[in-house]
Amino acid sequence: MSEPTATDLRFYAGLCEAYPYEPTRDRFQVVQTQGQGEGLISLVPFQPGEIVFVFHGEILPYQLLSTLQVQPGTYVSDPYVMGKVLHACDPNMSCEIEKRLFRALKPIQPGDFLTMDYETTEDELYQPFYCSCSASDCRGWVRGRMMREASEH
């Protein structure tokens, strides 16, 4: 069997030109999780502060399961990579939505699921859920930052 080509390694092949920090299949893998659908694992290590990847997506005026909120009424959809990042109340990545990038918050090892806190980007989640991430500060219900702020008052 021949070596994979650069195009074979791209999640976004045919959607956009290659770019710096683009997620590729030699660095990330989409896997089935127990009870959470598909998740994204890292195949390479990252240190805190490092850019993990920059994602590509379509701008939409409505929310989907695979979108992140850019601002109220504006969402970016990426069902291939970013949409596979799982939630954790104590995540290993942060999302800089205006730059469409994820940055490591703590060391990430090969085989680790890539996680973010969904309440850092979403006013209201498309599909609220009960979190069982087992973090010491796990919030339980994850509904979005506006819902959390409303319940705190």
Foldseek 3Di string as FASTA:
>chain_A
DDDDDPLNFALCRPPDDDDPQHHTNCFKDWDQDVPPGIFIFGQAKDAAFAWNGADDFDKDQDDDLQWFAPDNRIITGDVRHSSRAAEDPDFQWEAPVVRRTIGGRHMGHGPDTHYYHNQVTFQFHPDWAADDNVDPPRPGIRTHVVVVVVVVD
